[in-house]
Amino acid sequence: MVKVKICGLTSLEDALIATEAGADVLGFILYPKSKRFIKAKEIRKITSNLPPFILKAGVFVNEDPRNVLEILSYAHLDFAQLHGDETPKECEYIGKDRVIKVFRLKSVEEVEKIEPYIGKVRAILLDTYSKDSYGGTGKTFDWEIAKAVKERFDVPLILSGGLNPENVAKAIKEVNPYAIDVSSGVEIEPGKKDKKKVLQFIKSAKCY
């Protein structure tokens, strides 16, 4: 069964909604320029009040690897999701088993950009390219690129980019990813989740 990550959380209420709905991973964005930015101390308050056995990921963009490790520990986060231009060496510094590296690919020809990271990260996440932002665009990722990545590399693949309750089942059917990641597709506004959409999204994903 596909794993589900609900990202861009900014409150304990929404984190609990996602948890109770069956989310496998909760995501918190630590990139100050994001509309869904949340400080490490606020994440710590949330993660300290969650049930056990729930995985948490911190989303970073070109952050100093030393700071990433400090924040992971302080905020009780299990994974670092790296959305910037982090090098394979920086990923290794943080720790292979703790890094999800994000690639915002524009075409099938760019799939080879992933090669240097294989063996140095726990999983890769594919998101829609935008020159103006690092994720959360609401624009659908090209699933043909995702299928090309699956064929080329033996690594857990997380699919993101424009997923919502209406298209998530189709995405899973076409790509067969290890996990899916959603943020804007289940929101009322940036950083505020829609309970009905969260429930519908996870149900559609898990029941496929």
C-alpha atoms as a PDB file:
ATOM      1  CA  MET A   1       0.000   0.000   0.000  1.00  0.00           C
ATOM      2  CA  VAL A   2       1.290   3.438  -0.923  1.00  0.00           C
ATOM      3  CA  LYS A   3       2.547   5.673   1.881  1.00  0.00           C
ATOM      4  CA  VAL A   4       1.043   9.146   2.307  1.00  0.00           C
ATOM      5  CA  LYS A   5       2.819  12.308   3.432  1.00  0.00           C
ATOM      6  CA  ILE A   6       0.834  15.407   4.335  1.00  0.00           C
ATOM      7  CA  CYS A   7       3.144  18.400   4.061  1.00  0.00           C
ATOM      8  CA  GLY A   8       3.060  22.093   4.905  1.00  0.00           C
ATOM      9  CA  LEU A   9       1.566  21.592   8.362  1.00  0.00           C
ATOM     10  CA  THR A  10       1.606  24.589  10.710  1.00  0.00           C
ATOM     11  CA  SER A  11      -0.614  23.566  13.634  1.00  0.00           C
ATOM     12  CA  LEU A  12      -1.130  20.701  16.052  1.00  0.00           C
ATOM     13  CA  GLU A  13      -4.805  20.573  15.049  1.00  0.00           C
ATOM     14  CA  ASP A  14      -3.960  19.870  11.413  1.00  0.00           C
ATOM     15  CA  ALA A  15      -1.189  17.444  12.350  1.00  0.00           C
ATOM     16  CA  LEU A  16      -3.657  15.432  14.428  1.00  0.00           C
ATOM     17  CA  ILE A  17      -6.236  15.512  11.636  1.00  0.00           C
ATOM     18  CA  ALA A  18      -3.668  14.062   9.237  1.00  0.00           C
ATOM     19  CA  THR A  19      -2.520  11.488  11.781  1.00  0.00           C
ATOM     20  CA  GLU A  20      -6.033  10.309  12.606  1.00  0.00           C
ATOM     21  CA  ALA A  21      -6.867  10.116   8.894  1.00  0.00           C
ATOM     22  CA  GLY A  22      -4.025   7.652   8.375  1.00  0.00           C
ATOM     23  CA  ALA A  23      -1.086   9.745   7.140  1.00  0.00           C
ATOM     24  CA  ASP A  24       2.255   7.936   7.391  1.00  0.00           C
ATOM     25  CA  VAL A  25       4.453  11.035   7.416  1.00  0.00           C
ATOM     26  CA  LEU A  26       3.895  14.640   8.474  1.00  0.00           C
ATOM     27  CA  GLY A  27       5.873  17.419   6.814  1.00  0.00           C
ATOM     28  CA  PHE A  28       6.944  20.798   8.210  1.00  0.00           C
ATOM     29  CA  ILE A  29       8.543  23.508   6.081  1.00  0.00           C
ATOM     30  CA  LEU A  30      11.563  25.281   7.523  1.00  0.00           C
ATOM     31  CA  TYR A  31      12.204  27.512   4.513  1.00  0.00           C
ATOM     32  CA  PRO A  32      11.527  31.135   5.588  1.00  0.00           C
ATOM     33  CA  LYS A  33      10.346  32.237   2.130  1.00  0.00           C
ATOM     34  CA  SER A  34       7.602  29.616   2.036  1.00  0.00           C
ATOM     35  CA  LYS A  35       3.972  30.565   2.710  1.00  0.00           C
ATOM     36  CA  ARG A  36       3.889  27.481   4.937  1.00  0.00           C
ATOM     37  CA  PHE A  37       7.006  28.299   6.951  1.00  0.00           C
ATOM     38  CA  ILE A  38       7.053  27.230  10.577  1.00  0.00           C
ATOM     39  CA  LYS A  39       9.825  27.777  13.116  1.00  0.00           C
ATOM     40  CA  ALA A  40      11.649  24.850  14.690  1.00  0.00           C
ATOM     41  CA  LYS A  41      10.396  25.728  18.175  1.00  0.00           C
ATOM     42  CA  GLU A  42       6.790  25.576  16.933  1.00  0.00           C
ATOM     43  CA  ILE A  43       7.424  22.241  15.234  1.00  0.00           C
ATOM     44  CA  ARG A  44       8.854  20.926  18.497  1.00  0.00           C
ATOM     45  CA  LYS A  45       5.622  21.882  20.306  1.00  0.00           C
ATOM     46  CA  ILE A  46       3.619  19.947  17.717  1.00  0.00           C
ATOM     47  CA  THR A  47       5.807  16.840  17.501  1.00  0.00           C
ATOM     48  CA  SER A  48       5.971  16.607  21.295  1.00  0.00           C
ATOM     49  CA  ASN A  49       2.192  16.176  21.357  1.00  0.00           C
ATOM     50  CA  LEU A  50       1.764  13.606  18.611  1.00  0.00           C
ATOM     51  CA  PRO A  51       1.038   9.898  19.091  1.00  0.00           C
ATOM     52  CA  PRO A  52       3.978   7.477  18.819  1.00  0.00           C
ATOM     53  CA  PHE A  53       5.027   5.759  15.583  1.00  0.00           C
ATOM     54  CA  ILE A  54       4.276   8.800  13.385  1.00  0.00           C
ATOM     55  CA  LEU A  55       7.146   9.844  11.133  1.00  0.00           C
ATOM     56  CA  LYS A  56       7.990  13.529  10.738  1.00  0.00           C
ATOM     57  CA  ALA A  57       9.976  15.302   8.034  1.00  0.00           C
ATOM     58  CA  GLY A  58      11.502  18.761   7.950  1.00  0.00           C
ATOM     59  CA  VAL A  59      11.685  20.499   4.586  1.00  0.00           C
ATOM     60  CA  PHE A  60      14.849  22.521   3.967  1.00  0.00           C
ATOM     61  CA  VAL A  61      16.163  24.619   1.071  1.00  0.00           C
ATOM     62  CA  ASN A  62      19.937  25.114   0.811  1.00  0.00           C
ATOM     63  CA  GLU A  63      20.339  25.040   4.589  1.00  0.00           C
ATOM     64  CA  ASP A  64      23.745  24.429   6.178  1.00  0.00           C
ATOM     65  CA  PRO A  65      23.908  20.652   6.808  1.00  0.00           C
ATOM     66  CA  ARG A  66      25.069  21.278  10.372  1.00  0.00           C
ATOM     67  CA  ASN A  67      21.956  23.354  11.034  1.00  0.00           C
ATOM     68  CA  VAL A  68      19.804  20.644   9.464  1.00  0.00           C
ATOM     69  CA  LEU A  69      21.130  18.057  11.910  1.00  0.00           C
ATOM     70  CA  GLU A  70      20.594  20.380  14.869  1.00  0.00           C
ATOM     71  CA  ILE A  71      17.012  21.113  13.842  1.00  0.00           C
ATOM     72  CA  LEU A  72      16.196  17.465  13.215  1.00  0.00           C
ATOM     73  CA  SER A  73      17.254  16.648  16.752  1.00  0.00           C
ATOM     74  CA  TYR A  74      15.672  19.684  18.413  1.00  0.00           C
ATOM     75  CA  ALA A  75      12.297  19.427  16.645  1.00  0.00           C
ATOM     76  CA  HIS A  76      12.070  15.610  16.904  1.00  0.00           C
ATOM     77  CA  LEU A  77      12.120  15.089  13.137  1.00  0.00           C
ATOM     78  CA  ASP A  78      12.979  11.798  11.458  1.00  0.00           C
ATOM     79  CA  PHE A  79      13.846  12.966   7.947  1.00  0.00           C
ATOM     80  CA  ALA A  80      15.343  15.940   6.145  1.00  0.00           C
ATOM     81  CA  GLN A  81      13.589  16.638   2.859  1.00  0.00           C
ATOM     82  CA  LEU A  82      16.046  18.701   0.817  1.00  0.00           C
ATOM     83  CA  HIS A  83      14.417  20.902  -1.828  1.00  0.00           C
ATOM     84  CA  GLY A  84      17.375  23.014  -2.913  1.00  0.00           C
ATOM     85  CA  ASP A  85      20.696  22.524  -4.670  1.00  0.00           C
ATOM     86  CA  GLU A  86      22.210  20.289  -2.003  1.00  0.00           C
ATOM     87  CA  THR A  87      25.141  18.167  -3.202  1.00  0.00           C
ATOM     88  CA  PRO A  88      25.525  14.411  -2.760  1.00  0.00           C
ATOM     89  CA  LYS A  89      28.277  15.154  -0.231  1.00  0.00           C
ATOM     90  CA  GLU A  90      25.933  17.320   1.844  1.00  0.00           C
ATOM     91  CA  CYS A  91      23.305  14.580   1.752  1.00  0.00           C
ATOM     92  CA  GLU A  92      25.866  12.070   3.026  1.00  0.00           C
ATOM     93  CA  TYR A  93      26.875  14.467   5.808  1.00  0.00           C
ATOM     94  CA  ILE A  94      23.295  14.604   7.089  1.00  0.00           C
ATOM     95  CA  GLY A  95      23.016  10.848   6.755  1.00  0.00           C
ATOM     96  CA  LYS A  96      21.862   8.573   3.954  1.00  0.00           C
ATOM     97  CA  ASP A  97      19.018   7.052   5.972  1.00  0.00           C
ATOM     98  CA  ARG A  98      17.628  10.468   6.938  1.00  0.00           C
ATOM     99  CA  VAL A  99      17.606  12.297   3.606  1.00  0.00           C
ATOM    100  CA  ILE A 100      14.824  12.608   1.046  1.00  0.00           C
ATOM    101  CA  LYS A 101      16.255  14.499  -1.931  1.00  0.00           C
ATOM    102  CA  VAL A 102      13.856  16.476  -4.070  1.00  0.00           C
ATOM    103  CA  PHE A 103      14.235  16.873  -7.816  1.00  0.00           C
ATOM    104  CA  ARG A 104      12.175  19.367  -9.812  1.00  0.00           C
ATOM    105  CA  LEU A 105      12.633  17.988 -13.296  1.00  0.00           C
ATOM    106  CA  LYS A 106      11.399  19.689 -16.453  1.00  0.00           C
ATOM    107  CA  SER A 107      11.877  16.810 -18.896  1.00  0.00           C
ATOM    108  CA  VAL A 108      12.780  13.130 -19.225  1.00  0.00           C
ATOM    109  CA  GLU A 109      16.246  14.213 -20.360  1.00  0.00           C
ATOM    110  CA  GLU A 110      16.923  15.616 -16.891  1.00  0.00           C
ATOM    111  CA  VAL A 111      16.418  12.262 -15.176  1.00  0.00           C
ATOM    112  CA  GLU A 112      20.186  11.679 -15.197  1.00  0.00           C
ATOM    113  CA  LYS A 113      20.568  14.464 -12.622  1.00  0.00           C
ATOM    114  CA  ILE A 114      19.496  11.891 -10.038  1.00  0.00           C
ATOM    115  CA  GLU A 115      22.372   9.482 -10.736  1.00  0.00           C
ATOM    116  CA  PRO A 116      24.998  11.073  -8.401  1.00  0.00           C
ATOM    117  CA  TYR A 117      22.602  10.793  -5.453  1.00  0.00           C
ATOM    118  CA  ILE A 118      21.804   7.103  -5.757  1.00  0.00           C
ATOM    119  CA  GLY A 119      23.183   5.280  -2.722  1.00  0.00           C
ATOM    120  CA  LYS A 120      23.539   8.545  -0.816  1.00  0.00           C
ATOM    121  CA  VAL A 121      19.882   9.232   0.073  1.00  0.00           C
ATOM    122  CA  ARG A 122      16.994   7.231   1.513  1.00  0.00           C
ATOM    123  CA  ALA A 123      14.485   8.239  -1.148  1.00  0.00           C
ATOM    124  CA  ILE A 124      13.888  10.750  -3.896  1.00  0.00           C
ATOM    125  CA  LEU A 125      10.882  13.006  -4.312  1.00  0.00           C
ATOM    126  CA  LEU A 126       9.725  14.400  -7.643  1.00  0.00           C
ATOM    127  CA  ASP A 127       8.014  17.781  -7.670  1.00  0.00           C
ATOM    128  CA  THR A 128       6.866  20.256 -10.292  1.00  0.00           C
ATOM    129  CA  TYR A 129       9.494  22.711 -11.497  1.00  0.00           C
ATOM    130  CA  SER A 130       8.913  26.407 -10.872  1.00  0.00           C
ATOM    131  CA  LYS A 131      11.420  29.208 -11.192  1.00  0.00           C
ATOM    132  CA  ASP A 132       9.578  31.146  -8.490  1.00  0.00           C
ATOM    133  CA  SER A 133       9.229  28.606  -5.689  1.00  0.00           C
ATOM    134  CA  TYR A 134      10.451  25.356  -4.166  1.00  0.00           C
ATOM    135  CA  GLY A 135       7.305  23.228  -4.100  1.00  0.00           C
ATOM    136  CA  GLY A 136       3.707  23.933  -3.161  1.00  0.00           C
ATOM    137  CA  THR A 137       2.866  25.220  -6.641  1.00  0.00           C
ATOM    138  CA  GLY A 138      -0.309  23.174  -7.054  1.00  0.00           C
ATOM    139  CA  LYS A 139       0.815  22.345 -10.607  1.00  0.00           C
ATOM    140  CA  THR A 140       0.757  18.681 -11.630  1.00  0.00           C
ATOM    141  CA  PHE A 141       4.073  16.945 -12.134  1.00  0.00           C
ATOM    142  CA  ASP A 142       4.643  15.192 -15.462  1.00  0.00           C
ATOM    143  CA  TRP A 143       3.973  11.535 -14.630  1.00  0.00           C
ATOM    144  CA  GLU A 144       5.869  10.373 -17.714  1.00  0.00           C
ATOM    145  CA  ILE A 145       9.042  11.730 -16.122  1.00  0.00           C
ATOM    146  CA  ALA A 146       8.192   9.880 -12.916  1.00  0.00           C
ATOM    147  CA  LYS A 147       7.773   6.620 -14.819  1.00  0.00           C
ATOM    148  CA  ALA A 148      11.140   7.166 -16.497  1.00  0.00           C
ATOM    149  CA  VAL A 149      12.758   7.651 -13.081  1.00  0.00           C
ATOM    150  CA  LYS A 150      11.228   4.406 -11.818  1.00  0.00           C
ATOM    151  CA  GLU A 151      12.558   2.523 -14.806  1.00  0.00           C
ATOM    152  CA  ARG A 152      16.034   4.025 -14.468  1.00  0.00           C
ATOM    153  CA  PHE A 153      16.680   3.869 -10.714  1.00  0.00           C
ATOM    154  CA  ASP A 154      16.003   1.339  -7.967  1.00  0.00           C
ATOM    155  CA  VAL A 155      15.203   3.783  -5.159  1.00  0.00           C
ATOM    156  CA  PRO A 156      12.007   4.583  -3.222  1.00  0.00           C
ATOM    157  CA  LEU A 157      10.123   7.173  -5.276  1.00  0.00           C
ATOM    158  CA  ILE A 158       7.848   9.775  -3.712  1.00  0.00           C
ATOM    159  CA  LEU A 159       5.504  11.556  -6.107  1.00  0.00           C
ATOM    160  CA  SER A 160       4.412  15.131  -5.487  1.00  0.00           C
ATOM    161  CA  GLY A 161       3.201  18.090  -7.489  1.00  0.00           C
ATOM    162  CA  GLY A 162      -0.433  18.991  -8.025  1.00  0.00           C
ATOM    163  CA  LEU A 163      -1.919  15.944  -6.343  1.00  0.00           C
ATOM    164  CA  ASN A 164      -5.416  16.221  -4.880  1.00  0.00           C
ATOM    165  CA  PRO A 165      -8.335  13.974  -3.862  1.00  0.00           C
ATOM    166  CA  GLU A 166      -9.561  13.857  -7.457  1.00  0.00           C
ATOM    167  CA  ASN A 167      -6.377  12.711  -9.199  1.00  0.00           C
ATOM    168  CA  VAL A 168      -4.382  10.837  -6.572  1.00  0.00           C
ATOM    169  CA  ALA A 169      -5.771   7.380  -7.422  1.00  0.00           C
ATOM    170  CA  LYS A 170      -4.952   7.893 -11.101  1.00  0.00           C
ATOM    171  CA  ALA A 171      -1.430   9.033 -10.204  1.00  0.00           C
ATOM    172  CA  ILE A 172      -0.851   5.900  -8.135  1.00  0.00           C
ATOM    173  CA  LYS A 173      -2.212   3.690 -10.913  1.00  0.00           C
ATOM    174  CA  GLU A 174       0.029   5.261 -13.573  1.00  0.00           C
ATOM    175  CA  VAL A 175       3.253   5.747 -11.623  1.00  0.00           C
ATOM    176  CA  ASN A 176       3.067   3.179  -8.794  1.00  0.00           C
ATOM    177  CA  PRO A 177       5.240   5.272  -6.451  1.00  0.00           C
ATOM    178  CA  TYR A 178       6.443   4.169  -3.041  1.00  0.00           C
ATOM    179  CA  ALA A 179       4.737   7.204  -1.520  1.00  0.00           C
ATOM    180  CA  ILE A 180       2.828  10.353  -2.402  1.00  0.00           C
ATOM    181  CA  ASP A 181       3.192  13.853  -0.979  1.00  0.00           C
ATOM    182  CA  VAL A 182       0.521  16.538  -0.866  1.00  0.00           C
ATOM    183  CA  SER A 183       0.336  20.075   0.458  1.00  0.00           C
ATOM    184  CA  SER A 184      -1.714  22.626  -1.495  1.00  0.00           C
ATOM    185  CA  GLY A 185      -4.108  19.957  -2.785  1.00  0.00           C
ATOM    186  CA  VAL A 186      -5.684  19.536   0.657  1.00  0.00           C
ATOM    187  CA  GLU A 187      -5.664  23.137   1.853  1.00  0.00           C
ATOM    188  CA  ILE A 188      -8.153  25.883   2.579  1.00  0.00           C
ATOM    189  CA  GLU A 189      -5.270  28.350   2.302  1.00  0.00           C
ATOM    190  CA  PRO A 190      -1.458  28.011   2.543  1.00  0.00           C
ATOM    191  CA  GLY A 191      -0.640  26.334   5.862  1.00  0.00           C
ATOM    192  CA  LYS A 192      -4.263  25.566   6.777  1.00  0.00           C
ATOM    193  CA  LYS A 193      -5.587  22.122   5.889  1.00  0.00           C
ATOM    194  CA  ASP A 194      -9.111  21.219   4.860  1.00  0.00           C
ATOM    195  CA  LYS A 195     -10.149  18.272   7.039  1.00  0.00           C
ATOM    196  CA  LYS A 196     -12.588  16.918   4.460  1.00  0.00           C
ATOM    197  CA  LYS A 197      -9.963  17.027   1.703  1.00  0.00           C
ATOM    198  CA  VAL A 198      -7.320  15.400   3.900  1.00  0.00           C
ATOM    199  CA  LEU A 199      -9.672  12.544   4.736  1.00  0.00           C
ATOM    200  CA  GLN A 200     -10.744  12.124   1.110  1.00  0.00           C
ATOM    201  CA  PHE A 201      -7.169  12.255  -0.177  1.00  0.00           C
ATOM    202  CA  ILE A 202      -5.866   9.591   2.186  1.00  0.00           C
ATOM    203  CA  LYS A 203      -8.907   7.383   1.650  1.00  0.00           C
ATOM    204  CA  SER A 204      -8.502   7.590  -2.132  1.00  0.00           C
ATOM    205  CA  ALA A 205      -4.801   6.777  -1.860  1.00  0.00           C
ATOM    206  CA  LYS A 206      -5.085   3.945   0.625  1.00  0.00           C
ATOM    207  CA  CYS A 207      -8.088   2.320  -0.999  1.00  0.00           C
ATOM    208  CA  TYR A 208      -6.547   2.144  -4.446  1.00  0.00           C
END
